[in-house]
Structure formats: structure tokens, C-alpha cells
């Protein structure tokens, strides 16, 4: 089973390298093979934030995501996509 991080990277990649949280939620929901927990959207948001130096929640590990239009816009991009 893929991790949430891998699912998010895949979703954003398949959505063209940047996407709204709503689109990311829908894409991940469709690709997950297991039942989603009640807090699945919060898990996705938290995973993005802990893997983005744009966020106060960044854990100084993998810097995978960036805020396309600034924090609070709900639009996230994949740093490795070359579109940031």
C-alpha cells in the first residue's frame, strides 16, 4: 500500500504538477485502495504542510510541495515538476 505522501505526489503529478486541495482530495480518494479514515482530508493537508518549506508546519525533511499562490490559497504544486 502506498503512503499518503506517495499518493499526494502521484495525484499532483497526474493533475499537471499543481492543483487545488479539492482536486488533490478527489484524486487521492479515487486512487486509495483502502477505506479512508474520517480525518483523511486533514491527513492530506498535514502531509502537504509538513513536506513544504512554505508552511509553518514544515519538518525540515523532504521539501516536496510549494504553495502556488501563497499559504491559504489552497493551491499546491510539486517542486520536482519544474513548474515552481
PDB file of N, CA and C in Angstrom:
ATOM      1  N   UNK A   1       0.846  -1.183   0.000  1.00  0.00           N
ATOM      2  CA  UNK A   1       0.000   0.000   0.000  1.00  0.00           C
ATOM      3  C   UNK A   1       0.894   1.250   0.000  1.00  0.00           C
ATOM      4  N   UNK A   2       0.529   2.202  -0.807  1.00  0.00           N
ATOM      5  CA  UNK A   2       1.274   3.455  -0.901  1.00  0.00           C
ATOM      6  C   UNK A   2       1.041   4.309   0.342  1.00  0.00           C
ATOM      7  N   UNK A   3       2.016   5.155   0.628  1.00  0.00           N
ATOM      8  CA  UNK A   3       1.872   6.084   1.748  1.00  0.00           C
ATOM      9  C   UNK A   3       1.036   7.276   1.294  1.00  0.00           C
ATOM     10  N   UNK A   4       0.565   8.053   2.270  1.00  0.00           N
ATOM     11  CA  UNK A   4      -0.179   9.276   1.929  1.00  0.00           C
ATOM     12  C   UNK A   4       0.706  10.195   1.093  1.00  0.00           C
ATOM     13  N   UNK A   5       1.969  10.313   1.479  1.00  0.00           N
ATOM     14  CA  UNK A   5       2.891  11.180   0.750  1.00  0.00           C
ATOM     15  C   UNK A   5       2.997  10.757  -0.717  1.00  0.00           C
ATOM     16  N   UNK A   6       3.177   9.467  -0.939  1.00  0.00           N
ATOM     17  CA  UNK A   6       3.277   8.964  -2.315  1.00  0.00           C
ATOM     18  C   UNK A   6       1.982   9.201  -3.086  1.00  0.00           C
ATOM     19  N   UNK A   7       0.854   9.001  -2.424  1.00  0.00           N
ATOM     20  CA  UNK A   7      -0.436   9.238  -3.081  1.00  0.00           C
ATOM     21  C   UNK A   7      -0.601  10.704  -3.470  1.00  0.00           C
ATOM     22  N   UNK A   8      -0.164  11.609  -2.602  1.00  0.00           N
ATOM     23  CA  UNK A   8      -0.279  13.045  -2.892  1.00  0.00           C
ATOM     24  C   UNK A   8       0.642  13.434  -4.036  1.00  0.00           C
ATOM     25  N   UNK A   9       1.881  12.950  -4.016  1.00  0.00           N
ATOM     26  CA  UNK A   9       2.823  13.236  -5.106  1.00  0.00           C
ATOM     27  C   UNK A   9       2.244  12.736  -6.424  1.00  0.00           C
ATOM     28  N   UNK A  10       1.725  11.528  -6.420  1.00  0.00           N
ATOM     29  CA  UNK A  10       1.123  10.956  -7.635  1.00  0.00           C
ATOM     30  C   UNK A  10      -0.063  11.798  -8.103  1.00  0.00           C
ATOM     31  N   UNK A  11      -0.922  12.174  -7.172  1.00  0.00           N
ATOM     32  CA  UNK A  11      -2.116  12.952  -7.519  1.00  0.00           C
ATOM     33  C   UNK A  11      -1.731  14.290  -8.144  1.00  0.00           C
ATOM     34  N   UNK A  12      -0.835  15.013  -7.507  1.00  0.00           N
ATOM     35  CA  UNK A  12      -0.443  16.331  -8.037  1.00  0.00           C
ATOM     36  C   UNK A  12       0.252  16.167  -9.380  1.00  0.00           C
ATOM     37  N   UNK A  13       1.079  15.158  -9.498  1.00  0.00           N
ATOM     38  CA  UNK A  13       1.758  14.889 -10.764  1.00  0.00           C
ATOM     39  C   UNK A  13       0.745  14.621 -11.879  1.00  0.00           C
ATOM     40  N   UNK A  14      -0.240  13.787 -11.595  1.00  0.00           N
ATOM     41  CA  UNK A  14      -1.262  13.463 -12.598  1.00  0.00           C
ATOM     42  C   UNK A  14      -2.165  14.658 -12.909  1.00  0.00           C
ATOM     43  N   UNK A  15      -2.218  15.616 -11.998  1.00  0.00           N
ATOM     44  CA  UNK A  15      -3.025  16.825 -12.202  1.00  0.00           C
ATOM     45  C   UNK A  15      -2.207  17.951 -12.850  1.00  0.00           C
ATOM     46  N   UNK A  16      -1.034  17.623 -13.352  1.00  0.00           N
ATOM     47  CA  UNK A  16      -0.237  18.601 -14.093  1.00  0.00           C
ATOM     48  C   UNK A  16       0.830  19.324 -13.282  1.00  0.00           C
ATOM     49  N   UNK A  17       1.107  18.868 -12.070  1.00  0.00           N
ATOM     50  CA  UNK A  17       2.175  19.464 -11.275  1.00  0.00           C
ATOM     51  C   UNK A  17       1.718  20.488 -10.255  1.00  0.00           C
ATOM     52  N   UNK A  18       0.468  20.915 -10.341  1.00  0.00           N
ATOM     53  CA  UNK A  18      -0.124  21.839  -9.367  1.00  0.00           C
ATOM     54  C   UNK A  18      -1.624  21.625  -9.373  1.00  0.00           C
ATOM     55  N   UNK A  19      -2.238  21.821  -8.186  1.00  0.00           N
ATOM     56  CA  UNK A  19      -3.675  21.554  -8.098  1.00  0.00           C
ATOM     57  C   UNK A  19      -4.245  22.144  -6.815  1.00  0.00           C
ATOM     58  N   UNK A  20      -5.555  22.319  -6.828  1.00  0.00           N
ATOM     59  CA  UNK A  20      -6.244  22.777  -5.623  1.00  0.00           C
ATOM     60  C   UNK A  20      -6.352  21.611  -4.649  1.00  0.00           C
ATOM     61  N   UNK A  21      -6.501  21.932  -3.372  1.00  0.00           N
ATOM     62  CA  UNK A  21      -6.704  20.880  -2.375  1.00  0.00           C
ATOM     63  C   UNK A  21      -7.902  20.020  -2.736  1.00  0.00           C
ATOM     64  N   UNK A  22      -8.979  20.631  -3.207  1.00  0.00           N
ATOM     65  CA  UNK A  22     -10.174  19.865  -3.570  1.00  0.00           C
ATOM     66  C   UNK A  22      -9.864  18.839  -4.654  1.00  0.00           C
ATOM     67  N   UNK A  23      -9.087  19.243  -5.669  1.00  0.00           N
ATOM     68  CA  UNK A  23      -8.718  18.301  -6.727  1.00  0.00           C
ATOM     69  C   UNK A  23      -7.788  17.209  -6.213  1.00  0.00           C
ATOM     70  N   UNK A  24      -6.871  17.590  -5.319  1.00  0.00           N
ATOM     71  CA  UNK A  24      -5.973  16.606  -4.715  1.00  0.00           C
ATOM     72  C   UNK A  24      -6.775  15.601  -3.904  1.00  0.00           C
ATOM     73  N   UNK A  25      -7.731  16.092  -3.101  1.00  0.00           N
ATOM     74  CA  UNK A  25      -8.583  15.197  -2.313  1.00  0.00           C
ATOM     75  C   UNK A  25      -9.285  14.189  -3.218  1.00  0.00           C
ATOM     76  N   UNK A  26      -9.889  14.669  -4.278  1.00  0.00           N
ATOM     77  CA  UNK A  26     -10.642  13.774  -5.175  1.00  0.00           C
ATOM     78  C   UNK A  26      -9.747  12.742  -5.829  1.00  0.00           C
ATOM     79  N   UNK A  27      -8.572  13.167  -6.269  1.00  0.00           N
ATOM     80  CA  UNK A  27      -7.645  12.259  -6.941  1.00  0.00           C
ATOM     81  C   UNK A  27      -7.155  11.187  -5.972  1.00  0.00           C
ATOM     82  N   UNK A  28      -6.759  11.596  -4.768  1.00  0.00           N
ATOM     83  CA  UNK A  28      -6.279  10.635  -3.769  1.00  0.00           C
ATOM     84  C   UNK A  28      -7.409   9.686  -3.376  1.00  0.00           C
ATOM     85  N   UNK A  29      -8.600  10.221  -3.202  1.00  0.00           N
ATOM     86  CA  UNK A  29      -9.753   9.392  -2.834  1.00  0.00           C
ATOM     87  C   UNK A  29      -9.971   8.280  -3.857  1.00  0.00           C
ATOM     88  N   UNK A  30      -9.813   8.600  -5.130  1.00  0.00           N
ATOM     89  CA  UNK A  30     -10.019   7.615  -6.187  1.00  0.00           C
ATOM     90  C   UNK A  30      -8.894   6.593  -6.259  1.00  0.00           C
ATOM     91  N   UNK A  31      -7.679   6.998  -5.897  1.00  0.00           N
ATOM     92  CA  UNK A  31      -6.555   6.073  -6.048  1.00  0.00           C
ATOM     93  C   UNK A  31      -6.276   5.218  -4.811  1.00  0.00           C
ATOM     94  N   UNK A  32      -6.789   5.614  -3.659  1.00  0.00           N
ATOM     95  CA  UNK A  32      -6.575   4.817  -2.437  1.00  0.00           C
ATOM     96  C   UNK A  32      -7.356   3.513  -2.530  1.00  0.00           C
ATOM     97  N   UNK A  33      -6.699   2.415  -2.174  1.00  0.00           N
ATOM     98  CA  UNK A  33      -7.337   1.108  -2.257  1.00  0.00           C
ATOM     99  C   UNK A  33      -7.966   0.677  -0.943  1.00  0.00           C
ATOM    100  N   UNK A  34      -7.720   1.433   0.109  1.00  0.00           N
ATOM    101  CA  UNK A  34      -8.276   1.088   1.412  1.00  0.00           C
ATOM    102  C   UNK A  34      -9.343   2.102   1.798  1.00  0.00           C
ATOM    103  N   UNK A  35     -10.142   1.726   2.792  1.00  0.00           N
ATOM    104  CA  UNK A  35     -11.173   2.636   3.289  1.00  0.00           C
ATOM    105  C   UNK A  35     -10.502   3.858   3.909  1.00  0.00           C
ATOM    106  N   UNK A  36     -11.046   5.019   3.621  1.00  0.00           N
ATOM    107  CA  UNK A  36     -10.482   6.260   4.138  1.00  0.00           C
ATOM    108  C   UNK A  36     -10.942   6.520   5.566  1.00  0.00           C
ATOM    109  N   UNK A  37     -10.011   6.943   6.430  1.00  0.00           N
ATOM    110  CA  UNK A  37     -10.427   7.294   7.791  1.00  0.00           C
ATOM    111  C   UNK A  37     -11.225   8.597   7.775  1.00  0.00           C
ATOM    112  N   UNK A  38     -11.927   8.889   8.857  1.00  0.00           N
ATOM    113  CA  UNK A  38     -12.734  10.114   8.915  1.00  0.00           C
ATOM    114  C   UNK A  38     -11.898  11.367   8.692  1.00  0.00           C
ATOM    115  N   UNK A  39     -10.664  11.342   9.118  1.00  0.00           N
ATOM    116  CA  UNK A  39      -9.804  12.535   9.038  1.00  0.00           C
ATOM    117  C   UNK A  39      -8.913  12.555   7.796  1.00  0.00           C
ATOM    118  N   UNK A  40      -9.290  11.850   6.745  1.00  0.00           N
ATOM    119  CA  UNK A  40      -8.410  11.701   5.585  1.00  0.00           C
ATOM    120  C   UNK A  40      -8.035  13.026   4.938  1.00  0.00           C
ATOM    121  N   UNK A  41      -8.933  13.990   4.880  1.00  0.00           N
ATOM    122  CA  UNK A  41      -8.590  15.276   4.279  1.00  0.00           C
ATOM    123  C   UNK A  41      -7.587  16.034   5.146  1.00  0.00           C
ATOM    124  N   UNK A  42      -7.735  15.957   6.455  1.00  0.00           N
ATOM    125  CA  UNK A  42      -6.776  16.592   7.363  1.00  0.00           C
ATOM    126  C   UNK A  42      -5.408  15.909   7.251  1.00  0.00           C
ATOM    127  N   UNK A  43      -5.392  14.609   7.035  1.00  0.00           N
ATOM    128  CA  UNK A  43      -4.135  13.883   6.850  1.00  0.00           C
ATOM    129  C   UNK A  43      -3.433  14.379   5.595  1.00  0.00           C
ATOM    130  N   UNK A  44      -4.172  14.554   4.524  1.00  0.00           N
ATOM    131  CA  UNK A  44      -3.588  15.051   3.276  1.00  0.00           C
ATOM    132  C   UNK A  44      -3.032  16.451   3.473  1.00  0.00           C
ATOM    133  N   UNK A  45      -3.826  17.347   4.055  1.00  0.00           N
ATOM    134  CA  UNK A  45      -3.364  18.723   4.319  1.00  0.00           C
ATOM    135  C   UNK A  45      -2.109  18.731   5.180  1.00  0.00           C
ATOM    136  N   UNK A  46      -2.134  17.944   6.247  1.00  0.00           N
ATOM    137  CA  UNK A  46      -0.997  17.879   7.155  1.00  0.00           C
ATOM    138  C   UNK A  46       0.251  17.323   6.486  1.00  0.00           C
ATOM    139  N   UNK A  47       0.073  16.324   5.653  1.00  0.00           N
ATOM    140  CA  UNK A  47       1.207  15.738   4.940  1.00  0.00           C
ATOM    141  C   UNK A  47       1.822  16.757   3.984  1.00  0.00           C
ATOM    142  N   UNK A  48       0.989  17.488   3.274  1.00  0.00           N
ATOM    143  CA  UNK A  48       1.495  18.533   2.387  1.00  0.00           C
ATOM    144  C   UNK A  48       2.255  19.578   3.189  1.00  0.00           C
ATOM    145  N   UNK A  49       1.662  20.043   4.277  1.00  0.00           N
ATOM    146  CA  UNK A  49       2.269  21.113   5.073  1.00  0.00           C
ATOM    147  C   UNK A  49       3.591  20.685   5.713  1.00  0.00           C
ATOM    148  N   UNK A  50       3.692  19.450   6.192  1.00  0.00           N
ATOM    149  CA  UNK A  50       4.941  19.010   6.810  1.00  0.00           C
ATOM    150  C   UNK A  50       6.034  18.739   5.779  1.00  0.00           C
ATOM    151  N   UNK A  51       5.650  18.708   4.513  1.00  0.00           N
ATOM    152  CA  UNK A  51       6.617  18.498   3.428  1.00  0.00           C
ATOM    153  C   UNK A  51       6.726  19.727   2.528  1.00  0.00           C
ATOM    154  N   UNK A  52       6.498  20.911   3.092  1.00  0.00           N
ATOM    155  CA  UNK A  52       6.612  22.164   2.340  1.00  0.00           C
ATOM    156  C   UNK A  52       7.279  23.236   3.193  1.00  0.00           C
ATOM    157  N   UNK A  53       8.396  23.765   2.716  1.00  0.00           N
ATOM    158  CA  UNK A  53       9.085  24.836   3.446  1.00  0.00           C
ATOM    159  C   UNK A  53       8.272  26.130   3.431  1.00  0.00           C
ATOM    160  N   UNK A  54       7.219  26.185   2.648  1.00  0.00           N
ATOM    161  CA  UNK A  54       6.327  27.351   2.649  1.00  0.00           C
ATOM    162  C   UNK A  54       5.423  27.361   3.877  1.00  0.00           C
ATOM    163  N   UNK A  55       5.338  26.244   4.572  1.00  0.00           N
ATOM    164  CA  UNK A  55       4.418  26.090   5.698  1.00  0.00           C
ATOM    165  C   UNK A  55       5.142  26.188   7.037  1.00  0.00           C
ATOM    166  N   UNK A  56       4.453  26.707   8.037  1.00  0.00           N
ATOM    167  CA  UNK A  56       4.996  26.743   9.395  1.00  0.00           C
ATOM    168  C   UNK A  56       5.123  25.335   9.977  1.00  0.00           C
ATOM    169  N   UNK A  57       4.418  24.372   9.414  1.00  0.00           N
ATOM    170  CA  UNK A  57       4.445  23.002   9.910  1.00  0.00           C
ATOM    171  C   UNK A  57       5.578  22.168   9.293  1.00  0.00           C
ATOM    172  N   UNK A  58       6.384  22.771   8.438  1.00  0.00           N
ATOM    173  CA  UNK A  58       7.472  22.069   7.755  1.00  0.00           C
ATOM    174  C   UNK A  58       8.401  21.410   8.761  1.00  0.00           C
ATOM    175  N   UNK A  59       8.760  20.156   8.506  1.00  0.00           N
ATOM    176  CA  UNK A  59       9.587  19.383   9.434  1.00  0.00           C
ATOM    177  C   UNK A  59      11.065  19.340   9.034  1.00  0.00           C
ATOM    178  N   UNK A  60      11.471  20.148   8.080  1.00  0.00           N
ATOM    179  CA  UNK A  60      12.876  20.204   7.616  1.00  0.00           C
ATOM    180  C   UNK A  60      13.371  18.884   7.061  1.00  0.00           C
ATOM    181  N   UNK A  61      12.473  18.103   6.529  1.00  0.00           N
ATOM    182  CA  UNK A  61      12.867  16.856   5.877  1.00  0.00           C
ATOM    183  C   UNK A  61      12.686  17.049   4.376  1.00  0.00           C
ATOM    184  N   UNK A  62      11.879  16.264   3.757  1.00  0.00           N
ATOM    185  CA  UNK A  62      11.656  16.390   2.317  1.00  0.00           C
ATOM    186  C   UNK A  62      10.822  17.634   2.017  1.00  0.00           C
ATOM    187  N   UNK A  63      11.310  18.463   1.132  1.00  0.00           N
ATOM    188  CA  UNK A  63      10.613  19.689   0.737  1.00  0.00           C
ATOM    189  C   UNK A  63       9.973  19.430  -0.625  1.00  0.00           C
ATOM    190  N   UNK A  64       8.843  18.746  -0.621  1.00  0.00           N
ATOM    191  CA  UNK A  64       8.230  18.243  -1.845  1.00  0.00           C
ATOM    192  C   UNK A  64       7.234  19.191  -2.502  1.00  0.00           C
ATOM    193  N   UNK A  65       6.564  20.015  -1.699  1.00  0.00           N
ATOM    194  CA  UNK A  65       5.445  20.811  -2.201  1.00  0.00           C
ATOM    195  C   UNK A  65       5.692  22.302  -1.999  1.00  0.00           C
ATOM    196  N   UNK A  66       5.048  23.116  -2.808  1.00  0.00           N
ATOM    197  CA  UNK A  66       5.112  24.565  -2.630  1.00  0.00           C
ATOM    198  C   UNK A  66       3.719  25.156  -2.792  1.00  0.00           C
ATOM    199  N   UNK A  67       3.515  26.276  -2.133  1.00  0.00           N
ATOM    200  CA  UNK A  67       2.238  26.969  -2.230  1.00  0.00           C
ATOM    201  C   UNK A  67       2.273  27.837  -3.481  1.00  0.00           C
ATOM    202  N   UNK A  68       1.425  27.522  -4.441  1.00  0.00           N
ATOM    203  CA  UNK A  68       1.448  28.185  -5.740  1.00  0.00           C
ATOM    204  C   UNK A  68       1.071  29.666  -5.637  1.00  0.00           C
ATOM    205  N   UNK A  69       0.033  29.963  -4.875  1.00  0.00           N
ATOM    206  CA  UNK A  69      -0.466  31.345  -4.787  1.00  0.00           C
ATOM    207  C   UNK A  69      -0.380  31.891  -3.368  1.00  0.00           C
ATOM    208  N   UNK A  70       0.481  31.324  -2.535  1.00  0.00           N
ATOM    209  CA  UNK A  70       0.636  31.755  -1.159  1.00  0.00           C
ATOM    210  C   UNK A  70      -0.174  30.899  -0.204  1.00  0.00           C
ATOM    211  N   UNK A  71       0.327  30.795   1.017  1.00  0.00           N
ATOM    212  CA  UNK A  71      -0.344  29.994   2.045  1.00  0.00           C
ATOM    213  C   UNK A  71      -1.770  30.502   2.238  1.00  0.00           C
ATOM    214  N   UNK A  72      -2.680  29.565   2.313  1.00  0.00           N
ATOM    215  CA  UNK A  72      -4.090  29.891   2.485  1.00  0.00           C
ATOM    216  C   UNK A  72      -4.879  29.855   1.186  1.00  0.00           C
ATOM    217  N   UNK A  73      -4.175  29.789   0.057  1.00  0.00           N
ATOM    218  CA  UNK A  73      -4.874  29.770  -1.233  1.00  0.00           C
ATOM    219  C   UNK A  73      -5.444  28.394  -1.556  1.00  0.00           C
ATOM    220  N   UNK A  74      -4.864  27.353  -0.961  1.00  0.00           N
ATOM    221  CA  UNK A  74      -5.351  26.003  -1.234  1.00  0.00           C
ATOM    222  C   UNK A  74      -4.862  25.440  -2.552  1.00  0.00           C
ATOM    223  N   UNK A  75      -3.838  26.069  -3.142  1.00  0.00           N
ATOM    224  CA  UNK A  75      -3.266  25.575  -4.395  1.00  0.00           C
ATOM    225  C   UNK A  75      -1.835  25.135  -4.111  1.00  0.00           C
ATOM    226  N   UNK A  76      -1.551  23.878  -4.390  1.00  0.00           N
ATOM    227  CA  UNK A  76      -0.233  23.318  -4.107  1.00  0.00           C
ATOM    228  C   UNK A  76       0.408  22.767  -5.360  1.00  0.00           C
ATOM    229  N   UNK A  77       1.731  22.894  -5.420  1.00  0.00           N
ATOM    230  CA  UNK A  77       2.482  22.384  -6.545  1.00  0.00           C
ATOM    231  C   UNK A  77       3.537  21.400  -6.077  1.00  0.00           C
ATOM    232  N   UNK A  78       4.017  20.622  -7.007  1.00  0.00           N
ATOM    233  CA  UNK A  78       5.054  19.636  -6.764  1.00  0.00           C
ATOM    234  C   UNK A  78       6.385  20.260  -7.164  1.00  0.00           C
ATOM    235  N   UNK A  79       7.310  20.413  -6.227  1.00  0.00           N
ATOM    236  CA  UNK A  79       8.580  21.066  -6.516  1.00  0.00           C
ATOM    237  C   UNK A  79       9.342  20.389  -7.639  1.00  0.00           C
ATOM    238  N   UNK A  80       9.339  19.100  -7.707  1.00  0.00           N
ATOM    239  CA  UNK A  80      10.099  18.378  -8.730  1.00  0.00           C
ATOM    240  C   UNK A  80       9.495  18.496 -10.127  1.00  0.00           C
ATOM    241  N   UNK A  81       8.323  19.123 -10.224  1.00  0.00           N
ATOM    242  CA  UNK A  81       7.679  19.234 -11.536  1.00  0.00           C
ATOM    243  C   UNK A  81       8.357  20.266 -12.418  1.00  0.00           C
ATOM    244  N   UNK A  82       9.197  21.109 -11.809  1.00  0.00           N
ATOM    245  CA  UNK A  82       9.869  22.150 -12.574  1.00  0.00           C
ATOM    246  C   UNK A  82       8.979  23.334 -12.881  1.00  0.00           C
ATOM    247  N   UNK A  83       7.781  23.390 -12.292  1.00  0.00           N
ATOM    248  CA  UNK A  83       6.844  24.472 -12.581  1.00  0.00           C
ATOM    249  C   UNK A  83       6.791  25.505 -11.481  1.00  0.00           C
ATOM    250  N   UNK A  84       7.703  25.433 -10.496  1.00  0.00           N
ATOM    251  CA  UNK A  84       7.693  26.410  -9.407  1.00  0.00           C
ATOM    252  C   UNK A  84       8.747  27.460  -9.574  1.00  0.00           C
TER     253      UNK A  84
END
